[in-house]
C-alpha atoms as a PDB file:
ATOM      1  CA  MET A   1      43.341 -27.627 -25.188  1.00  0.00           C
ATOM      2  CA  ASN A   2      39.922 -28.872 -26.218  1.00  0.00           C
ATOM      3  CA  LYS A   3      39.603 -30.888 -22.979  1.00  0.00           C
ATOM      4  CA  PHE A   4      40.527 -27.781 -20.969  1.00  0.00           C
ATOM      5  CA  ALA A   5      37.770 -25.744 -22.660  1.00  0.00           C
ATOM      6  CA  ILE A   6      35.203 -28.471 -22.009  1.00  0.00           C
ATOM      7  CA  ALA A   7      36.313 -28.722 -18.374  1.00  0.00           C
ATOM      8  CA  ALA A   8      36.094 -24.928 -17.991  1.00  0.00           C
ATOM      9  CA  VAL A   9      32.591 -24.834 -19.470  1.00  0.00           C
ATOM     10  CA  ALA A  10      31.523 -27.707 -17.202  1.00  0.00           C
ATOM     11  CA  ALA A  11      32.980 -25.967 -14.139  1.00  0.00           C
ATOM     12  CA  LEU A  12      31.243 -22.708 -15.002  1.00  0.00           C
ATOM     13  CA  SER A  13      27.971 -24.541 -15.599  1.00  0.00           C
ATOM     14  CA  LEU A  14      28.178 -26.260 -12.224  1.00  0.00           C
ATOM     15  CA  ALA A  15      29.097 -23.032 -10.467  1.00  0.00           C
ATOM     16  CA  GLY A  16      26.285 -21.178 -12.235  1.00  0.00           C
ATOM     17  CA  SER A  17      23.728 -23.830 -11.361  1.00  0.00           C
ATOM     18  CA  GLY A  18      24.856 -23.666  -7.726  1.00  0.00           C
ATOM     19  CA  ALA A  19      24.343 -19.908  -7.715  1.00  0.00           C
ATOM     20  CA  VAL A  20      20.914 -20.289  -9.290  1.00  0.00           C
ATOM     21  CA  TYR A  21      19.994 -22.946  -6.721  1.00  0.00           C
ATOM     22  CA  ALA A  22      21.197 -20.726  -3.880  1.00  0.00           C
ATOM     23  CA  GLN A  23      19.130 -17.839  -5.254  1.00  0.00           C
ATOM     24  CA  TYR A  24      16.103 -20.134  -5.503  1.00  0.00           C
ATOM     25  CA  GLN A  25      16.571 -21.305  -1.910  1.00  0.00           C
ATOM     26  CA  GLN A  26      16.864 -17.719  -0.683  1.00  0.00           C
ATOM     27  CA  HIS A  27      13.691 -16.764  -2.569  1.00  0.00           C
ATOM     28  CA  SER A  28      11.916 -19.828  -1.180  1.00  0.00           C
ATOM     29  CA  ARG A  29      12.879 -18.918   2.404  1.00  0.00           C
ATOM     30  CA  HIS A  30      11.715 -15.342   1.795  1.00  0.00           C
ATOM     31  CA  MET A  31       8.341 -16.573   0.524  1.00  0.00           C
ATOM     32  CA  GLN A  32       7.943 -18.860   3.560  1.00  0.00           C
ATOM     33  CA  HIS A  33       8.749 -15.897   5.804  1.00  0.00           C
ATOM     34  CA  MET A  34       6.148 -13.787   4.007  1.00  0.00           C
ATOM     35  CA  GLN A  35       3.536 -16.537   4.499  1.00  0.00           C
ATOM     36  CA  HIS A  36       4.158 -16.384   8.243  1.00  0.00           C
ATOM     37  CA  MET A  37       3.918 -12.596   8.229  1.00  0.00           C
ATOM     38  CA  ARG A  38       0.383 -12.497   6.837  1.00  0.00           C
ATOM     39  CA  MET A  39      -1.681 -10.583   9.293  1.00  0.00           C
ATOM     40  CA  ASN A  40      -4.995 -11.824  10.488  1.00  0.00           C
ATOM     41  CA  PRO A  41      -7.985  -9.454  10.606  1.00  0.00           C
ATOM     42  CA  GLU A  42      -7.415  -8.652  14.286  1.00  0.00           C
ATOM     43  CA  ASP A  43      -3.811  -7.642  13.605  1.00  0.00           C
ATOM     44  CA  ARG A  44      -4.834  -5.459  10.664  1.00  0.00           C
ATOM     45  CA  ALA A  45      -7.513  -3.786  12.783  1.00  0.00           C
ATOM     46  CA  ALA A  46      -4.995  -3.182  15.571  1.00  0.00           C
ATOM     47  CA  PHE A  47      -2.494  -1.620  13.154  1.00  0.00           C
ATOM     48  CA  LEU A  48      -5.202   0.573  11.644  1.00  0.00           C
ATOM     49  CA  ASP A  49      -6.243   1.719  15.115  1.00  0.00           C
ATOM     50  CA  SER A  50      -2.646   2.525  16.009  1.00  0.00           C
ATOM     51  CA  ARG A  51      -2.017   4.492  12.793  1.00  0.00           C
ATOM     52  CA  ILE A  52      -5.193   6.521  13.247  1.00  0.00           C
ATOM     53  CA  ALA A  53      -4.340   7.142  16.897  1.00  0.00           C
ATOM     54  CA  ALA A  54      -0.798   8.180  15.964  1.00  0.00           C
ATOM     55  CA  VAL A  55      -2.020  10.710  13.413  1.00  0.00           C
ATOM     56  CA  HIS A  56      -4.643  12.038  15.811  1.00  0.00           C
ATOM     57  CA  ALA A  57      -2.144  12.378  18.656  1.00  0.00           C
ATOM     58  CA  GLY A  58       0.544  13.834  16.398  1.00  0.00           C
ATOM     59  CA  LEU A  59      -1.732  16.578  15.123  1.00  0.00           C
ATOM     60  CA  LYS A  60      -2.384  17.923  18.646  1.00  0.00           C
ATOM     61  CA  LEU A  61      -5.751  19.298  17.602  1.00  0.00           C
ATOM     62  CA  ASN A  62      -7.265  22.235  19.453  1.00  0.00           C
ATOM     63  CA  ALA A  63     -10.878  22.122  20.689  1.00  0.00           C
ATOM     64  CA  ASP A  64     -12.358  23.519  17.455  1.00  0.00           C
ATOM     65  CA  GLN A  65     -10.303  21.165  15.289  1.00  0.00           C
ATOM     66  CA  GLU A  66     -11.195  18.213  17.493  1.00  0.00           C
ATOM     67  CA  LYS A  67     -14.827  18.623  16.445  1.00  0.00           C
ATOM     68  CA  LEU A  68     -13.788  18.106  12.813  1.00  0.00           C
ATOM     69  CA  TRP A  69     -11.878  14.861  13.494  1.00  0.00           C
ATOM     70  CA  PRO A  70     -14.716  12.257  13.845  1.00  0.00           C
ATOM     71  CA  PRO A  71     -15.874  12.437  10.195  1.00  0.00           C
ATOM     72  CA  VAL A  72     -12.264  12.031   9.037  1.00  0.00           C
ATOM     73  CA  GLU A  73     -11.747   8.988  11.236  1.00  0.00           C
ATOM     74  CA  ALA A  74     -15.063   7.445  10.131  1.00  0.00           C
ATOM     75  CA  ALA A  75     -14.197   7.897   6.453  1.00  0.00           C
ATOM     76  CA  VAL A  76     -10.760   6.362   6.997  1.00  0.00           C
ATOM     77  CA  ARG A  77     -12.239   3.377   8.822  1.00  0.00           C
ATOM     78  CA  ASP A  78     -14.862   2.848   6.103  1.00  0.00           C
ATOM     79  CA  PHE A  79     -12.180   2.971   3.428  1.00  0.00           C
ATOM     80  CA  ALA A  80      -9.912   0.552   5.297  1.00  0.00           C
ATOM     81  CA  LYS A  81     -12.810  -1.840   5.891  1.00  0.00           C
ATOM     82  CA  THR A  82     -13.681  -1.866   2.191  1.00  0.00           C
ATOM     83  CA  ARG A  83     -10.049  -2.439   1.174  1.00  0.00           C
ATOM     84  CA  MET A  84      -9.716  -5.312   3.648  1.00  0.00           C
ATOM     85  CA  GLU A  85     -12.915  -6.900   2.356  1.00  0.00           C
ATOM     86  CA  GLN A  86     -11.622  -6.656  -1.218  1.00  0.00           C
ATOM     87  CA  ALA A  87      -8.262  -8.169  -0.243  1.00  0.00           C
ATOM     88  CA  ASN A  88      -9.953 -11.003   1.639  1.00  0.00           C
ATOM     89  CA  ALA A  89     -12.212 -11.729  -1.339  1.00  0.00           C
ATOM     90  CA  ARG A  90      -9.206 -11.920  -3.664  1.00  0.00           C
ATOM     91  CA  MET A  91      -7.321 -14.164  -1.239  1.00  0.00           C
ATOM     92  CA  ASN A  92     -10.319 -16.484  -0.777  1.00  0.00           C
ATOM     93  CA  ALA A  93     -10.824 -16.711  -4.529  1.00  0.00           C
ATOM     94  CA  ARG A  94      -7.158 -17.638  -4.994  1.00  0.00           C
ATOM     95  CA  GLU A  95      -7.256 -20.233  -2.224  1.00  0.00           C
ATOM     96  CA  GLN A  96     -10.411 -21.830  -3.610  1.00  0.00           C
ATOM     97  CA  GLY A  97      -9.064 -21.784  -7.142  1.00  0.00           C
ATOM     98  CA  ASP A  98     -12.035 -19.793  -8.368  1.00  0.00           C
ATOM     99  CA  LYS A  99     -12.189 -20.428 -12.121  1.00  0.00           C
ATOM    100  CA  GLN A 100     -14.058 -17.200 -12.756  1.00  0.00           C
ATOM    101  CA  THR A 101     -11.080 -15.091 -11.688  1.00  0.00           C
ATOM    102  CA  VAL A 102      -8.891 -16.843 -14.270  1.00  0.00           C
ATOM    103  CA  ASP A 103     -10.824 -15.133 -17.070  1.00  0.00           C
ATOM    104  CA  PRO A 104      -8.840 -11.951 -17.911  1.00  0.00           C
ATOM    105  CA  VAL A 105     -11.954  -9.971 -18.860  1.00  0.00           C
ATOM    106  CA  THR A 106     -13.612 -10.832 -15.544  1.00  0.00           C
ATOM    107  CA  ARG A 107     -10.422  -9.887 -13.682  1.00  0.00           C
ATOM    108  CA  LEU A 108     -10.337  -6.586 -15.558  1.00  0.00           C
ATOM    109  CA  ARG A 109     -13.932  -5.837 -14.578  1.00  0.00           C
ATOM    110  CA  GLN A 110     -13.253  -6.757 -10.955  1.00  0.00           C
ATOM    111  CA  ARG A 111     -10.183  -4.521 -10.937  1.00  0.00           C
ATOM    112  CA  ALA A 112     -12.202  -1.639 -12.397  1.00  0.00           C
ATOM    113  CA  ASP A 113     -14.922  -2.132  -9.775  1.00  0.00           C
ATOM    114  CA  ASN A 114     -12.316  -2.187  -7.000  1.00  0.00           C
ATOM    115  CA  MET A 115     -10.706   0.973  -8.359  1.00  0.00           C
ATOM    116  CA  ALA A 116     -14.082   2.724  -8.552  1.00  0.00           C
ATOM    117  CA  THR A 117     -14.823   1.718  -4.971  1.00  0.00           C
ATOM    118  CA  ALA A 118     -11.393   2.940  -3.848  1.00  0.00           C
ATOM    119  CA  SER A 119     -11.895   6.197  -5.719  1.00  0.00           C
ATOM    120  CA  ALA A 120     -15.225   6.808  -4.015  1.00  0.00           C
ATOM    121  CA  GLY A 121     -13.680   6.015  -0.626  1.00  0.00           C
ATOM    122  CA  LEU A 122     -10.771   8.371  -1.168  1.00  0.00           C
ATOM    123  CA  LYS A 123     -13.156  11.128  -2.234  1.00  0.00           C
ATOM    124  CA  LYS A 124     -15.125  10.597   0.981  1.00  0.00           C
ATOM    125  CA  ILE A 125     -11.911  10.931   2.967  1.00  0.00           C
ATOM    126  CA  ALA A 126     -10.947  14.079   1.076  1.00  0.00           C
ATOM    127  CA  ASP A 127     -14.392  15.586   1.638  1.00  0.00           C
ATOM    128  CA  ALA A 128     -14.264  14.756   5.335  1.00  0.00           C
ATOM    129  CA  ALA A 129     -10.648  15.913   5.776  1.00  0.00           C
ATOM    130  CA  ASP A 130     -10.902  19.177   3.855  1.00  0.00           C
ATOM    131  CA  PRO A 131     -12.549  21.253   6.620  1.00  0.00           C
ATOM    132  CA  LEU A 132     -10.054  19.966   9.179  1.00  0.00           C
ATOM    133  CA  TYR A 133      -7.040  20.424   6.916  1.00  0.00           C
ATOM    134  CA  LYS A 134      -7.962  24.049   6.262  1.00  0.00           C
ATOM    135  CA  THR A 135      -7.707  24.750   9.998  1.00  0.00           C
ATOM    136  CA  LEU A 136      -4.276  23.157  10.512  1.00  0.00           C
ATOM    137  CA  ASP A 137      -1.316  25.413  11.152  1.00  0.00           C
ATOM    138  CA  GLU A 138       2.028  24.868   9.393  1.00  0.00           C
ATOM    139  CA  GLY A 139       3.404  22.709  12.221  1.00  0.00           C
ATOM    140  CA  GLN A 140       0.363  20.436  12.140  1.00  0.00           C
ATOM    141  CA  LYS A 141       0.591  20.130   8.352  1.00  0.00           C
ATOM    142  CA  ARG A 142       4.275  19.248   8.616  1.00  0.00           C
ATOM    143  CA  ARG A 143       3.540  16.598  11.265  1.00  0.00           C
ATOM    144  CA  LEU A 144       0.656  15.221   9.197  1.00  0.00           C
ATOM    145  CA  THR A 145       2.965  14.816   6.219  1.00  0.00           C
ATOM    146  CA  ALA A 146       5.530  12.990   8.338  1.00  0.00           C
ATOM    147  CA  LEU A 147       2.895  10.747   9.936  1.00  0.00           C
ATOM    148  CA  VAL A 148       1.307   9.612   6.688  1.00  0.00           C
ATOM    149  CA  HIS A 149       4.410   9.777   4.491  1.00  0.00           C
ATOM    150  CA  ASN A 150       5.310   6.095   3.898  1.00  0.00           C
ATOM    151  CA  ARG A 151       2.062   4.333   3.148  1.00  0.00           C
ATOM    152  CA  GLY A 152      -0.549   6.911   3.779  1.00  0.00           C
ATOM    153  CA  MET A 153      -2.927   6.741   6.649  1.00  0.00           C
ATOM    154  CA  PHE A 154      -5.737   6.077   4.259  1.00  0.00           C
ATOM    155  CA  GLY A 155      -4.276   3.061   2.493  1.00  0.00           C
ATOM    156  CA  GLU A 156      -3.090   4.679  -0.719  1.00  0.00           C
ATOM    157  CA  ARG A 157       0.086   3.304  -2.178  1.00  0.00           C
ATOM    158  CA  GLY A 158       3.314   4.857  -1.173  1.00  0.00           C
ATOM    159  CA  GLY A 159       6.779   3.632  -1.822  1.00  0.00           C
ATOM    160  CA  ARG A 160       8.484   3.574  -5.181  1.00  0.00           C
ATOM    161  CA  ARG A 161       5.323   3.346  -7.311  1.00  0.00           C
ATOM    162  CA  GLY A 162       3.618   6.163  -5.416  1.00  0.00           C
ATOM    163  CA  ARG A 163       6.644   8.429  -5.719  1.00  0.00           C
ATOM    164  CA  PHE A 164       6.910   7.617  -9.421  1.00  0.00           C
ATOM    165  CA  MET A 165       3.257   8.513  -9.980  1.00  0.00           C
ATOM    166  CA  GLU A 166       3.657  11.757  -8.007  1.00  0.00           C
ATOM    167  CA  ARG A 167       6.695  12.701 -10.103  1.00  0.00           C
ATOM    168  CA  MET A 168       4.824  11.997 -13.328  1.00  0.00           C
ATOM    169  CA  GLU A 169       1.891  14.121 -12.174  1.00  0.00           C
ATOM    170  CA  ARG A 170       4.205  17.033 -11.279  1.00  0.00           C
ATOM    171  CA  GLN A 171       5.945  16.787 -14.662  1.00  0.00           C
ATOM    172  CA  ARG A 172       2.590  17.098 -16.386  1.00  0.00           C
ATOM    173  CA  GLY A 173       2.001  20.214 -14.320  1.00  0.00           C
ATOM    174  CA  GLY A 174      -1.075  18.933 -12.517  1.00  0.00           C
ATOM    175  CA  GLY A 175       0.423  17.700  -9.279  1.00  0.00           C
ATOM    176  CA  GLN A 176       1.187  19.278  -5.995  1.00  0.00           C
ATOM    177  CA  ASP A 177       4.567  19.294  -4.407  1.00  0.00           C
ATOM    178  CA  ARG A 178       5.335  15.983  -2.733  1.00  0.00           C
ATOM    179  CA  ASP A 179       4.851  17.255   0.788  1.00  0.00           C
ATOM    180  CA  GLU A 180       1.822  19.387   0.122  1.00  0.00           C
ATOM    181  CA  GLY A 181      -1.761  18.276   0.269  1.00  0.00           C
ATOM    182  CA  ARG A 182      -1.106  14.667   1.187  1.00  0.00           C
ATOM    183  CA  LEU A 183      -3.686  13.463   3.617  1.00  0.00           C
END
């Protein structure tokens, strides 16, 4: 009986290690795929252009509203440019093995600076978008929500974390409904 128990434990160990190895291989292939999917600056610029164009076309602005669009687009482009520059700086620092970024206090300061920059950019977008948003009819607002729903035209996080943060804000009583006021 003792030999049977040892054999069973050995078999389970081998089977478990095979499953772990298979999981590792799958993760490794996924990471290689993600490396190939990294977009170059031209691709990112093209996707930004297409998202802005999609929102602009989807809104079907009238002549008066059309006059309010250029400041919104400029603010969005400025914000996206800043975010891309920050991402490129982080990537370059990682690739070069920048020792300064290893320091947790330095990383914390850099993160705070990036958040302050993002905050200022989002405020510029809100200030530019407010006059236009006030002129949108219900259909345009509904289309705007659908067009910027997943990631946000302006680069803010969407997905699970964004929905979680929205839910928390609503529970505290300070947030808007999910589909309201999202530009």
